[in-house]
C-alpha cells in the first residue's frame, strides 16, 4: 500500500478507476459520498470503496486530519481554522463538529510547528 521514494511520500490505492500511485502532497482531501470515498487531488478525483477509518489509518503520520466523520483533510491545504470551519486554500469551507474542533486545532497547530 505505502511506498516511499527519495523525498516524496507516495501511496498506492486500488481505485474504481484502477491502481493509482499518488504523491501524498497531491491529495487535497477525501470525502465520504454514497458508500464510497472520493479522493480530491491536484490532478483530479478518484473513487474507492474503503472505509474512512481504514484510509485514515493508511495515511496516519502523513499530515492528514479527520475534521469530520466524512472528511479527511491534508493539512498542507488548510488556509485557516476558526469558528468551527476549516477553510482550504481553494476557499472551500468544511464544518468541524464542536466535539472534534479542539483536537483538529491542536493537530493543525502541531503540523504548523513541524512545517516551519
PDB file of N, CA and C in Angstrom:
ATOM      1  N   UNK A   1       0.830  -1.192   0.000  1.00  0.00           N
ATOM      2  CA  UNK A   1       0.000   0.000   0.000  1.00  0.00           C
ATOM      3  C   UNK A   1       0.866   1.244   0.000  1.00  0.00           C
ATOM      4  N   UNK A   2       1.733   1.389   0.986  1.00  0.00           N
ATOM      5  CA  UNK A   2       2.548   2.596   1.069  1.00  0.00           C
ATOM      6  C   UNK A   2       3.891   2.349   0.405  1.00  0.00           C
ATOM      7  N   UNK A   3       4.319   3.289  -0.395  1.00  0.00           N
ATOM      8  CA  UNK A   3       5.639   3.210  -0.994  1.00  0.00           C
ATOM      9  C   UNK A   3       6.333   4.539  -0.809  1.00  0.00           C
ATOM     10  N   UNK A   4       7.634   4.514  -0.650  1.00  0.00           N
ATOM     11  CA  UNK A   4       8.357   5.773  -0.461  1.00  0.00           C
ATOM     12  C   UNK A   4       9.411   5.913  -1.541  1.00  0.00           C
ATOM     13  N   UNK A   5       9.542   7.132  -2.012  1.00  0.00           N
ATOM     14  CA  UNK A   5      10.579   7.434  -2.986  1.00  0.00           C
ATOM     15  C   UNK A   5      11.458   8.513  -2.376  1.00  0.00           C
ATOM     16  N   UNK A   6      12.587   8.788  -2.997  1.00  0.00           N
ATOM     17  CA  UNK A   6      13.503   9.811  -2.486  1.00  0.00           C
ATOM     18  C   UNK A   6      12.767  11.136  -2.313  1.00  0.00           C
ATOM     19  N   UNK A   7      12.560  11.558  -1.060  1.00  0.00           N
ATOM     20  CA  UNK A   7      11.979  12.869  -0.793  1.00  0.00           C
ATOM     21  C   UNK A   7      10.474  12.961  -0.943  1.00  0.00           C
ATOM     22  N   UNK A   8       9.858  12.074  -1.693  1.00  0.00           N
ATOM     23  CA  UNK A   8       8.410  12.114  -1.894  1.00  0.00           C
ATOM     24  C   UNK A   8       7.750  10.958  -1.180  1.00  0.00           C
ATOM     25  N   UNK A   9       6.674  11.252  -0.467  1.00  0.00           N
ATOM     26  CA  UNK A   9       5.879  10.168   0.086  1.00  0.00           C
ATOM     27  C   UNK A   9       4.824   9.843  -0.952  1.00  0.00           C
ATOM     28  N   UNK A  10       4.704   8.575  -1.292  1.00  0.00           N
ATOM     29  CA  UNK A  10       3.670   8.172  -2.236  1.00  0.00           C
ATOM     30  C   UNK A  10       2.847   7.057  -1.629  1.00  0.00           C
ATOM     31  N   UNK A  11       1.616   6.977  -2.073  1.00  0.00           N
ATOM     32  CA  UNK A  11       0.715   5.918  -1.645  1.00  0.00           C
ATOM     33  C   UNK A  11       0.054   5.346  -2.893  1.00  0.00           C
ATOM     34  N   UNK A  12      -0.271   4.067  -2.821  1.00  0.00           N
ATOM     35  CA  UNK A  12      -0.951   3.445  -3.954  1.00  0.00           C
ATOM     36  C   UNK A  12      -2.253   2.848  -3.452  1.00  0.00           C
ATOM     37  N   UNK A  13      -3.312   3.121  -4.180  1.00  0.00           N
ATOM     38  CA  UNK A  13      -4.624   2.592  -3.831  1.00  0.00           C
ATOM     39  C   UNK A  13      -5.242   1.955  -5.058  1.00  0.00           C
ATOM     40  N   UNK A  14      -6.117   0.987  -4.809  1.00  0.00           N
ATOM     41  CA  UNK A  14      -6.892   0.364  -5.884  1.00  0.00           C
ATOM     42  C   UNK A  14      -8.223   1.095  -5.965  1.00  0.00           C
ATOM     43  N   UNK A  15      -8.260   2.089  -6.826  1.00  0.00           N
ATOM     44  CA  UNK A  15      -9.469   2.891  -7.014  1.00  0.00           C
ATOM     45  C   UNK A  15     -10.401   2.200  -7.997  1.00  0.00           C
ATOM     46  N   UNK A  16     -11.632   2.696  -8.077  1.00  0.00           N
ATOM     47  CA  UNK A  16     -12.580   2.221  -9.082  1.00  0.00           C
ATOM     48  C   UNK A  16     -11.944   2.403 -10.458  1.00  0.00           C
ATOM     49  N   UNK A  17     -11.189   3.477 -10.617  1.00  0.00           N
ATOM     50  CA  UNK A  17     -10.542   3.802 -11.895  1.00  0.00           C
ATOM     51  C   UNK A  17      -9.300   2.936 -12.156  1.00  0.00           C
ATOM     52  N   UNK A  18      -8.894   2.115 -11.185  1.00  0.00           N
ATOM     53  CA  UNK A  18      -7.705   1.279 -11.336  1.00  0.00           C
ATOM     54  C   UNK A  18      -6.671   1.622 -10.276  1.00  0.00           C
ATOM     55  N   UNK A  19      -5.562   0.889 -10.271  1.00  0.00           N
ATOM     56  CA  UNK A  19      -4.482   1.156  -9.319  1.00  0.00           C
ATOM     57  C   UNK A  19      -3.797   2.466  -9.686  1.00  0.00           C
ATOM     58  N   UNK A  20      -3.670   3.338  -8.683  1.00  0.00           N
ATOM     59  CA  UNK A  20      -3.050   4.646  -8.908  1.00  0.00           C
ATOM     60  C   UNK A  20      -2.071   4.916  -7.781  1.00  0.00           C
ATOM     61  N   UNK A  21      -0.904   5.391  -8.130  1.00  0.00           N
ATOM     62  CA  UNK A  21       0.085   5.839  -7.141  1.00  0.00           C
ATOM     63  C   UNK A  21      -0.002   7.365  -7.100  1.00  0.00           C
ATOM     64  N   UNK A  22      -0.202   7.895  -5.894  1.00  0.00           N
ATOM     65  CA  UNK A  22      -0.331   9.342  -5.707  1.00  0.00           C
ATOM     66  C   UNK A  22       0.756   9.844  -4.775  1.00  0.00           C
ATOM     67  N   UNK A  23       1.225  11.041  -5.055  1.00  0.00           N
ATOM     68  CA  UNK A  23       2.079  11.715  -4.087  1.00  0.00           C
ATOM     69  C   UNK A  23       1.161  12.232  -2.981  1.00  0.00           C
ATOM     70  N   UNK A  24       1.568  12.019  -1.740  1.00  0.00           N
ATOM     71  CA  UNK A  24       0.754  12.438  -0.600  1.00  0.00           C
ATOM     72  C   UNK A  24       0.440  13.927  -0.690  1.00  0.00           C
ATOM     73  N   UNK A  25       1.414  14.723  -1.108  1.00  0.00           N
ATOM     74  CA  UNK A  25       1.197  16.172  -1.173  1.00  0.00           C
ATOM     75  C   UNK A  25       0.192  16.573  -2.251  1.00  0.00           C
ATOM     76  N   UNK A  26      -0.171  15.665  -3.157  1.00  0.00           N
ATOM     77  CA  UNK A  26      -1.159  15.974  -4.201  1.00  0.00           C
ATOM     78  C   UNK A  26      -2.591  15.656  -3.777  1.00  0.00           C
ATOM     79  N   UNK A  27      -2.765  14.961  -2.644  1.00  0.00           N
ATOM     80  CA  UNK A  27      -4.110  14.664  -2.141  1.00  0.00           C
ATOM     81  C   UNK A  27      -4.567  15.868  -1.323  1.00  0.00           C
ATOM     82  N   UNK A  28      -5.645  16.519  -1.753  1.00  0.00           N
ATOM     83  CA  UNK A  28      -6.147  17.701  -1.051  1.00  0.00           C
ATOM     84  C   UNK A  28      -7.032  17.267   0.122  1.00  0.00           C
ATOM     85  N   UNK A  29      -8.044  16.446  -0.160  1.00  0.00           N
ATOM     86  CA  UNK A  29      -8.878  15.891   0.899  1.00  0.00           C
ATOM     87  C   UNK A  29      -9.632  14.679   0.366  1.00  0.00           C
ATOM     88  N   UNK A  30     -10.204  13.932   1.298  1.00  0.00           N
ATOM     89  CA  UNK A  30     -11.003  12.755   0.974  1.00  0.00           C
ATOM     90  C   UNK A  30     -12.368  12.964   1.606  1.00  0.00           C
ATOM     91  N   UNK A  31     -13.412  12.680   0.836  1.00  0.00           N
ATOM     92  CA  UNK A  31     -14.782  12.879   1.310  1.00  0.00           C
ATOM     93  C   UNK A  31     -15.602  11.614   1.115  1.00  0.00           C
ATOM     94  N   UNK A  32     -16.378  11.252   2.138  1.00  0.00           N
ATOM     95  CA  UNK A  32     -17.297  10.130   2.020  1.00  0.00           C
ATOM     96  C   UNK A  32     -18.527  10.603   1.260  1.00  0.00           C
ATOM     97  N   UNK A  33     -18.924   9.814   0.259  1.00  0.00           N
ATOM     98  CA  UNK A  33     -20.095  10.154  -0.538  1.00  0.00           C
ATOM     99  C   UNK A  33     -20.759   8.875  -1.037  1.00  0.00           C
ATOM    100  N   UNK A  34     -21.951   8.597  -0.553  1.00  0.00           N
ATOM    101  CA  UNK A  34     -22.728   7.444  -1.010  1.00  0.00           C
ATOM    102  C   UNK A  34     -21.961   6.121  -0.961  1.00  0.00           C
ATOM    103  N   UNK A  35     -21.534   5.728   0.204  1.00  0.00           N
ATOM    104  CA  UNK A  35     -20.866   4.437   0.444  1.00  0.00           C
ATOM    105  C   UNK A  35     -19.494   4.295  -0.198  1.00  0.00           C
ATOM    106  N   UNK A  36     -18.965   5.388  -0.722  1.00  0.00           N
ATOM    107  CA  UNK A  36     -17.600   5.322  -1.254  1.00  0.00           C
ATOM    108  C   UNK A  36     -16.872   6.573  -0.780  1.00  0.00           C
ATOM    109  N   UNK A  37     -15.573   6.579  -0.985  1.00  0.00           N
ATOM    110  CA  UNK A  37     -14.785   7.758  -0.641  1.00  0.00           C
ATOM    111  C   UNK A  37     -14.204   8.334  -1.915  1.00  0.00           C
ATOM    112  N   UNK A  38     -14.234   9.648  -1.996  1.00  0.00           N
ATOM    113  CA  UNK A  38     -13.718  10.352  -3.167  1.00  0.00           C
ATOM    114  C   UNK A  38     -12.446  11.085  -2.757  1.00  0.00           C
ATOM    115  N   UNK A  39     -11.347  10.791  -3.457  1.00  0.00           N
ATOM    116  CA  UNK A  39     -10.082  11.491  -3.260  1.00  0.00           C
ATOM    117  C   UNK A  39     -10.093  12.705  -4.179  1.00  0.00           C
ATOM    118  N   UNK A  40      -9.982  13.892  -3.614  1.00  0.00           N
ATOM    119  CA  UNK A  40      -9.844  15.110  -4.403  1.00  0.00           C
ATOM    120  C   UNK A  40      -8.356  15.433  -4.430  1.00  0.00           C
ATOM    121  N   UNK A  41      -7.766  15.410  -5.607  1.00  0.00           N
ATOM    122  CA  UNK A  41      -6.325  15.642  -5.732  1.00  0.00           C
ATOM    123  C   UNK A  41      -6.083  16.839  -6.637  1.00  0.00           C
ATOM    124  N   UNK A  42      -4.829  17.246  -6.710  1.00  0.00           N
ATOM    125  CA  UNK A  42      -4.475  18.365  -7.586  1.00  0.00           C
ATOM    126  C   UNK A  42      -4.642  17.986  -9.054  1.00  0.00           C
ATOM    127  N   UNK A  43      -4.741  16.678  -9.341  1.00  0.00           N
ATOM    128  CA  UNK A  43      -4.861  16.228 -10.725  1.00  0.00           C
ATOM    129  C   UNK A  43      -6.194  15.627 -11.099  1.00  0.00           C
ATOM    130  N   UNK A  44      -7.160  15.624 -10.186  1.00  0.00           N
ATOM    131  CA  UNK A  44      -8.468  15.052 -10.492  1.00  0.00           C
ATOM    132  C   UNK A  44      -9.035  14.308  -9.294  1.00  0.00           C
ATOM    133  N   UNK A  45     -10.100  13.543  -9.539  1.00  0.00           N
ATOM    134  CA  UNK A  45     -10.746  12.806  -8.460  1.00  0.00           C
ATOM    135  C   UNK A  45     -10.667  11.302  -8.719  1.00  0.00           C
ATOM    136  N   UNK A  46     -10.657  10.551  -7.623  1.00  0.00           N
ATOM    137  CA  UNK A  46     -10.611   9.094  -7.680  1.00  0.00           C
ATOM    138  C   UNK A  46     -11.597   8.549  -6.650  1.00  0.00           C
ATOM    139  N   UNK A  47     -12.268   7.463  -7.003  1.00  0.00           N
ATOM    140  CA  UNK A  47     -13.260   6.847  -6.129  1.00  0.00           C
ATOM    141  C   UNK A  47     -12.760   5.514  -5.608  1.00  0.00           C
ATOM    142  N   UNK A  48     -13.076   5.236  -4.336  1.00  0.00           N
ATOM    143  CA  UNK A  48     -12.633   3.983  -3.731  1.00  0.00           C
ATOM    144  C   UNK A  48     -13.710   3.492  -2.760  1.00  0.00           C
ATOM    145  N   UNK A  49     -13.885   2.181  -2.726  1.00  0.00           N
ATOM    146  CA  UNK A  49     -14.824   1.572  -1.787  1.00  0.00           C
ATOM    147  C   UNK A  49     -14.050   1.019  -0.607  1.00  0.00           C
ATOM    148  N   UNK A  50     -13.661   1.911   0.307  1.00  0.00           N
ATOM    149  CA  UNK A  50     -12.993   1.535   1.549  1.00  0.00           C
ATOM    150  C   UNK A  50     -13.544   2.430   2.639  1.00  0.00           C
ATOM    151  N   UNK A  51     -13.454   1.963   3.862  1.00  0.00           N
ATOM    152  CA  UNK A  51     -13.948   2.748   4.991  1.00  0.00           C
ATOM    153  C   UNK A  51     -12.995   3.901   5.276  1.00  0.00           C
ATOM    154  N   UNK A  52     -13.568   5.022   5.684  1.00  0.00           N
ATOM    155  CA  UNK A  52     -12.765   6.201   6.009  1.00  0.00           C
ATOM    156  C   UNK A  52     -11.765   5.882   7.123  1.00  0.00           C
ATOM    157  N   UNK A  53     -12.166   5.074   8.097  1.00  0.00           N
ATOM    158  CA  UNK A  53     -11.246   4.703   9.182  1.00  0.00           C
ATOM    159  C   UNK A  53     -10.010   3.994   8.632  1.00  0.00           C
ATOM    160  N   UNK A  54     -10.186   3.145   7.616  1.00  0.00           N
ATOM    161  CA  UNK A  54      -9.058   2.439   7.009  1.00  0.00           C
ATOM    162  C   UNK A  54      -8.148   3.414   6.271  1.00  0.00           C
ATOM    163  N   UNK A  55      -8.743   4.340   5.546  1.00  0.00           N
ATOM    164  CA  UNK A  55      -7.951   5.333   4.808  1.00  0.00           C
ATOM    165  C   UNK A  55      -7.186   6.221   5.776  1.00  0.00           C
ATOM    166  N   UNK A  56      -7.847   6.600   6.869  1.00  0.00           N
ATOM    167  CA  UNK A  56      -7.197   7.429   7.883  1.00  0.00           C
ATOM    168  C   UNK A  56      -5.987   6.685   8.460  1.00  0.00           C
ATOM    169  N   UNK A  57      -6.133   5.391   8.717  1.00  0.00           N
ATOM    170  CA  UNK A  57      -5.023   4.588   9.245  1.00  0.00           C
ATOM    171  C   UNK A  57      -3.894   4.489   8.218  1.00  0.00           C
ATOM    172  N   UNK A  58      -4.243   4.305   6.943  1.00  0.00           N
ATOM    173  CA  UNK A  58      -3.236   4.210   5.880  1.00  0.00           C
ATOM    174  C   UNK A  58      -2.422   5.494   5.752  1.00  0.00           C
ATOM    175  N   UNK A  59      -3.057   6.639   6.003  1.00  0.00           N
ATOM    176  CA  UNK A  59      -2.404   7.934   5.817  1.00  0.00           C
ATOM    177  C   UNK A  59      -1.903   8.529   7.138  1.00  0.00           C
ATOM    178  N   UNK A  60      -1.976   7.753   8.209  1.00  0.00           N
ATOM    179  CA  UNK A  60      -1.545   8.227   9.524  1.00  0.00           C
ATOM    180  C   UNK A  60      -0.080   8.693   9.480  1.00  0.00           C
ATOM    181  N   UNK A  61       0.163   9.845  10.098  1.00  0.00           N
ATOM    182  CA  UNK A  61       1.523  10.369  10.168  1.00  0.00           C
ATOM    183  C   UNK A  61       1.986  11.068   8.899  1.00  0.00           C
ATOM    184  N   UNK A  62       1.067  11.280   7.957  1.00  0.00           N
ATOM    185  CA  UNK A  62       1.434  11.903   6.680  1.00  0.00           C
ATOM    186  C   UNK A  62       0.835  13.297   6.515  1.00  0.00           C
ATOM    187  N   UNK A  63       0.332  13.889   7.609  1.00  0.00           N
ATOM    188  CA  UNK A  63      -0.155  15.268   7.537  1.00  0.00           C
ATOM    189  C   UNK A  63      -1.641  15.412   7.275  1.00  0.00           C
ATOM    190  N   UNK A  64      -2.435  14.380   7.622  1.00  0.00           N
ATOM    191  CA  UNK A  64      -3.880  14.448   7.419  1.00  0.00           C
ATOM    192  C   UNK A  64      -4.586  14.561   8.757  1.00  0.00           C
ATOM    193  N   UNK A  65      -5.728  15.253   8.758  1.00  0.00           N
ATOM    194  CA  UNK A  65      -6.532  15.390   9.967  1.00  0.00           C
ATOM    195  C   UNK A  65      -7.982  15.060   9.616  1.00  0.00           C
ATOM    196  N   UNK A  66      -8.609  14.304  10.504  1.00  0.00           N
ATOM    197  CA  UNK A  66     -10.022  13.944  10.328  1.00  0.00           C
ATOM    198  C   UNK A  66     -10.844  15.081  10.909  1.00  0.00           C
ATOM    199  N   UNK A  67     -11.385  15.930  10.047  1.00  0.00           N
ATOM    200  CA  UNK A  67     -12.118  17.107  10.518  1.00  0.00           C
ATOM    201  C   UNK A  67     -13.580  16.791  10.801  1.00  0.00           C
ATOM    202  N   UNK A  68     -14.048  15.670  10.292  1.00  0.00           N
ATOM    203  CA  UNK A  68     -15.459  15.299  10.383  1.00  0.00           C
ATOM    204  C   UNK A  68     -15.515  13.823  10.041  1.00  0.00           C
ATOM    205  N   UNK A  69     -16.581  13.133  10.395  1.00  0.00           N
ATOM    206  CA  UNK A  69     -16.627  11.707  10.045  1.00  0.00           C
ATOM    207  C   UNK A  69     -16.584  11.495   8.539  1.00  0.00           C
ATOM    208  N   UNK A  70     -16.941  12.524   7.773  1.00  0.00           N
ATOM    209  CA  UNK A  70     -16.967  12.414   6.312  1.00  0.00           C
ATOM    210  C   UNK A  70     -15.771  13.039   5.604  1.00  0.00           C
ATOM    211  N   UNK A  71     -14.844  13.650   6.340  1.00  0.00           N
ATOM    212  CA  UNK A  71     -13.722  14.342   5.693  1.00  0.00           C
ATOM    213  C   UNK A  71     -12.381  14.010   6.344  1.00  0.00           C
ATOM    214  N   UNK A  72     -11.400  13.733   5.499  1.00  0.00           N
ATOM    215  CA  UNK A  72     -10.009  13.580   5.910  1.00  0.00           C
ATOM    216  C   UNK A  72      -9.231  14.585   5.068  1.00  0.00           C
ATOM    217  N   UNK A  73      -8.620  15.569   5.718  1.00  0.00           N
ATOM    218  CA  UNK A  73      -8.043  16.719   5.023  1.00  0.00           C
ATOM    219  C   UNK A  73      -6.523  16.733   5.140  1.00  0.00           C
ATOM    220  N   UNK A  74      -5.866  17.005   4.027  1.00  0.00           N
ATOM    221  CA  UNK A  74      -4.418  17.185   4.006  1.00  0.00           C
ATOM    222  C   UNK A  74      -4.139  18.573   4.582  1.00  0.00           C
ATOM    223  N   UNK A  75      -3.441  18.627   5.711  1.00  0.00           N
ATOM    224  CA  UNK A  75      -3.220  19.909   6.382  1.00  0.00           C
ATOM    225  C   UNK A  75      -2.384  20.882   5.555  1.00  0.00           C
ATOM    226  N   UNK A  76      -1.675  20.398   4.538  1.00  0.00           N
ATOM    227  CA  UNK A  76      -0.916  21.285   3.650  1.00  0.00           C
ATOM    228  C   UNK A  76      -1.846  22.255   2.909  1.00  0.00           C
ATOM    229  N   UNK A  77      -3.124  21.885   2.794  1.00  0.00           N
ATOM    230  CA  UNK A  77      -4.078  22.683   2.031  1.00  0.00           C
ATOM    231  C   UNK A  77      -5.027  23.485   2.908  1.00  0.00           C
ATOM    232  N   UNK A  78      -4.800  23.497   4.227  1.00  0.00           N
ATOM    233  CA  UNK A  78      -5.641  24.296   5.120  1.00  0.00           C
ATOM    234  C   UNK A  78      -5.107  25.723   5.153  1.00  0.00           C
ATOM    235  N   UNK A  79      -5.993  26.667   4.883  1.00  0.00           N
ATOM    236  CA  UNK A  79      -5.637  28.081   4.959  1.00  0.00           C
ATOM    237  C   UNK A  79      -5.813  28.580   6.390  1.00  0.00           C
ATOM    238  N   UNK A  80      -6.965  28.218   7.006  1.00  0.00           N
ATOM    239  CA  UNK A  80      -7.210  28.641   8.393  1.00  0.00           C
ATOM    240  C   UNK A  80      -8.320  27.785   9.013  1.00  0.00           C
ATOM    241  N   UNK A  81      -8.344  27.834  10.338  1.00  0.00           N
ATOM    242  CA  UNK A  81      -9.386  27.148  11.104  1.00  0.00           C
ATOM    243  C   UNK A  81      -9.918  28.152  12.106  1.00  0.00           C
ATOM    244  N   UNK A  82     -11.206  28.448  12.026  1.00  0.00           N
ATOM    245  CA  UNK A  82     -11.834  29.284  13.045  1.00  0.00           C
ATOM    246  C   UNK A  82     -13.346  29.135  12.985  1.00  0.00           C
ATOM    247  N   UNK A  83     -13.983  29.369  14.105  1.00  0.00           N
ATOM    248  CA  UNK A  83     -15.440  29.295  14.235  1.00  0.00           C
ATOM    249  C   UNK A  83     -16.005  27.977  13.699  1.00  0.00           C
ATOM    250  N   UNK A  84     -15.344  26.876  14.024  1.00  0.00           N
ATOM    251  CA  UNK A  84     -15.794  25.537  13.640  1.00  0.00           C
ATOM    252  C   UNK A  84     -15.830  25.321  12.127  1.00  0.00           C
ATOM    253  N   UNK A  85     -14.981  26.071  11.427  1.00  0.00           N
ATOM    254  CA  UNK A  85     -14.863  25.947   9.974  1.00  0.00           C
ATOM    255  C   UNK A  85     -13.395  25.802   9.598  1.00  0.00           C
ATOM    256  N   UNK A  86     -13.099  24.820   8.741  1.00  0.00           N
ATOM    257  CA  UNK A  86     -11.776  24.691   8.140  1.00  0.00           C
ATOM    258  C   UNK A  86     -11.903  25.278   6.744  1.00  0.00           C
ATOM    259  N   UNK A  87     -11.067  26.269   6.432  1.00  0.00           N
ATOM    260  CA  UNK A  87     -11.065  26.873   5.106  1.00  0.00           C
ATOM    261  C   UNK A  87      -9.815  26.402   4.377  1.00  0.00           C
ATOM    262  N   UNK A  88     -10.021  25.780   3.218  1.00  0.00           N
ATOM    263  CA  UNK A  88      -8.900  25.314   2.415  1.00  0.00           C
ATOM    264  C   UNK A  88      -8.345  26.460   1.576  1.00  0.00           C
ATOM    265  N   UNK A  89      -7.139  26.302   1.063  1.00  0.00           N
ATOM    266  CA  UNK A  89      -6.532  27.354   0.254  1.00  0.00           C
ATOM    267  C   UNK A  89      -7.377  27.645  -0.996  1.00  0.00           C
ATOM    268  N   UNK A  90      -8.181  26.675  -1.419  1.00  0.00           N
ATOM    269  CA  UNK A  90      -9.058  26.868  -2.580  1.00  0.00           C
ATOM    270  C   UNK A  90     -10.267  27.731  -2.244  1.00  0.00           C
ATOM    271  N   UNK A  91     -10.495  27.959  -0.924  1.00  0.00           N
ATOM    272  CA  UNK A  91     -11.671  28.715  -0.495  1.00  0.00           C
ATOM    273  C   UNK A  91     -12.802  27.815  -0.027  1.00  0.00           C
ATOM    274  N   UNK A  92     -12.720  26.529  -0.309  1.00  0.00           N
ATOM    275  CA  UNK A  92     -13.761  25.583   0.128  1.00  0.00           C
ATOM    276  C   UNK A  92     -13.782  25.543   1.652  1.00  0.00           C
ATOM    277  N   UNK A  93     -14.991  25.555   2.219  1.00  0.00           N
ATOM    278  CA  UNK A  93     -15.150  25.530   3.667  1.00  0.00           C
ATOM    279  C   UNK A  93     -15.766  24.205   4.095  1.00  0.00           C
ATOM    280  N   UNK A  94     -15.196  23.622   5.155  1.00  0.00           N
ATOM    281  CA  UNK A  94     -15.689  22.363   5.707  1.00  0.00           C
ATOM    282  C   UNK A  94     -15.999  22.587   7.176  1.00  0.00           C
ATOM    283  N   UNK A  95     -17.181  22.172   7.598  1.00  0.00           N
ATOM    284  CA  UNK A  95     -17.536  22.367   9.007  1.00  0.00           C
ATOM    285  C   UNK A  95     -16.842  21.326   9.878  1.00  0.00           C
ATOM    286  N   UNK A  96     -16.560  21.731  11.106  1.00  0.00           N
ATOM    287  CA  UNK A  96     -15.927  20.849  12.091  1.00  0.00           C
ATOM    288  C   UNK A  96     -16.874  20.761  13.281  1.00  0.00           C
ATOM    289  N   UNK A  97     -17.317  19.545  13.643  1.00  0.00           N
ATOM    290  CA  UNK A  97     -18.208  19.405  14.801  1.00  0.00           C
ATOM    291  C   UNK A  97     -17.542  19.922  16.081  1.00  0.00           C
ATOM    292  N   UNK A  98     -18.356  20.449  16.966  1.00  0.00           N
ATOM    293  CA  UNK A  98     -17.860  21.028  18.218  1.00  0.00           C
ATOM    294  C   UNK A  98     -16.992  20.040  18.990  1.00  0.00           C
ATOM    295  N   UNK A  99     -17.377  18.778  19.040  1.00  0.00           N
ATOM    296  CA  UNK A  99     -16.626  17.774  19.801  1.00  0.00           C
ATOM    297  C   UNK A  99     -15.239  17.518  19.206  1.00  0.00           C
ATOM    298  N   UNK A 100     -15.098  17.687  17.911  1.00  0.00           N
ATOM    299  CA  UNK A 100     -13.833  17.393  17.233  1.00  0.00           C
ATOM    300  C   UNK A 100     -12.930  18.631  17.109  1.00  0.00           C
ATOM    301  N   UNK A 101     -13.513  19.809  17.250  1.00  0.00           N
ATOM    302  CA  UNK A 101     -12.821  21.071  16.982  1.00  0.00           C
ATOM    303  C   UNK A 101     -11.511  21.254  17.761  1.00  0.00           C
ATOM    304  N   UNK A 102     -11.488  21.038  19.098  1.00  0.00           N
ATOM    305  CA  UNK A 102     -10.217  21.247  19.831  1.00  0.00           C
ATOM    306  C   UNK A 102      -9.093  20.343  19.307  1.00  0.00           C
ATOM    307  N   UNK A 103      -9.399  19.101  18.997  1.00  0.00           N
ATOM    308  CA  UNK A 103      -8.374  18.176  18.516  1.00  0.00           C
ATOM    309  C   UNK A 103      -7.890  18.569  17.122  1.00  0.00           C
ATOM    310  N   UNK A 104      -8.802  19.008  16.260  1.00  0.00           N
ATOM    311  CA  UNK A 104      -8.414  19.446  14.912  1.00  0.00           C
ATOM    312  C   UNK A 104      -7.483  20.653  15.014  1.00  0.00           C
ATOM    313  N   UNK A 105      -7.838  21.615  15.866  1.00  0.00           N
ATOM    314  CA  UNK A 105      -6.983  22.801  16.044  1.00  0.00           C
ATOM    315  C   UNK A 105      -5.605  22.409  16.581  1.00  0.00           C
ATOM    316  N   UNK A 106      -5.580  21.478  17.547  1.00  0.00           N
ATOM    317  CA  UNK A 106      -4.322  21.032  18.136  1.00  0.00           C
ATOM    318  C   UNK A 106      -3.444  20.346  17.087  1.00  0.00           C
ATOM    319  N   UNK A 107      -4.040  19.441  16.320  1.00  0.00           N
ATOM    320  CA  UNK A 107      -3.266  18.728  15.300  1.00  0.00           C
ATOM    321  C   UNK A 107      -2.719  19.697  14.252  1.00  0.00           C
ATOM    322  N   UNK A 108      -3.528  20.685  13.862  1.00  0.00           N
ATOM    323  CA  UNK A 108      -3.079  21.652  12.862  1.00  0.00           C
ATOM    324  C   UNK A 108      -1.953  22.524  13.419  1.00  0.00           C
ATOM    325  N   UNK A 109      -2.059  22.928  14.697  1.00  0.00           N
ATOM    326  CA  UNK A 109      -1.000  23.738  15.321  1.00  0.00           C
ATOM    327  C   UNK A 109       0.304  22.942  15.365  1.00  0.00           C
ATOM    328  N   UNK A 110       0.226  21.656  15.703  1.00  0.00           N
ATOM    329  CA  UNK A 110       1.424  20.805  15.707  1.00  0.00           C
ATOM    330  C   UNK A 110       2.010  20.704  14.303  1.00  0.00           C
ATOM    331  N   UNK A 111       1.140  20.529  13.316  1.00  0.00           N
ATOM    332  CA  UNK A 111       1.587  20.425  11.929  1.00  0.00           C
ATOM    333  C   UNK A 111       2.283  21.721  11.492  1.00  0.00           C
ATOM    334  N   UNK A 112       1.701  22.861  11.860  1.00  0.00           N
ATOM    335  CA  UNK A 112       2.292  24.151  11.516  1.00  0.00           C
ATOM    336  C   UNK A 112       3.675  24.291  12.138  1.00  0.00           C
ATOM    337  N   UNK A 113       3.830  23.812  13.357  1.00  0.00           N
ATOM    338  CA  UNK A 113       5.126  23.874  14.036  1.00  0.00           C
ATOM    339  C   UNK A 113       6.164  23.025  13.354  1.00  0.00           C
ATOM    340  N   UNK A 114       5.775  21.880  12.845  1.00  0.00           N
ATOM    341  CA  UNK A 114       6.689  20.976  12.141  1.00  0.00           C
ATOM    342  C   UNK A 114       7.065  21.566  10.785  1.00  0.00           C
ATOM    343  N   UNK A 115       6.092  22.200  10.131  1.00  0.00           N
ATOM    344  CA  UNK A 115       6.286  22.722   8.775  1.00  0.00           C
ATOM    345  C   UNK A 115       7.270  23.885   8.732  1.00  0.00           C
ATOM    346  N   UNK A 116       7.296  24.677   9.812  1.00  0.00           N
ATOM    347  CA  UNK A 116       8.119  25.895   9.816  1.00  0.00           C
ATOM    348  C   UNK A 116       9.577  25.592  10.022  1.00  0.00           C
TER     349      UNK A 116
END
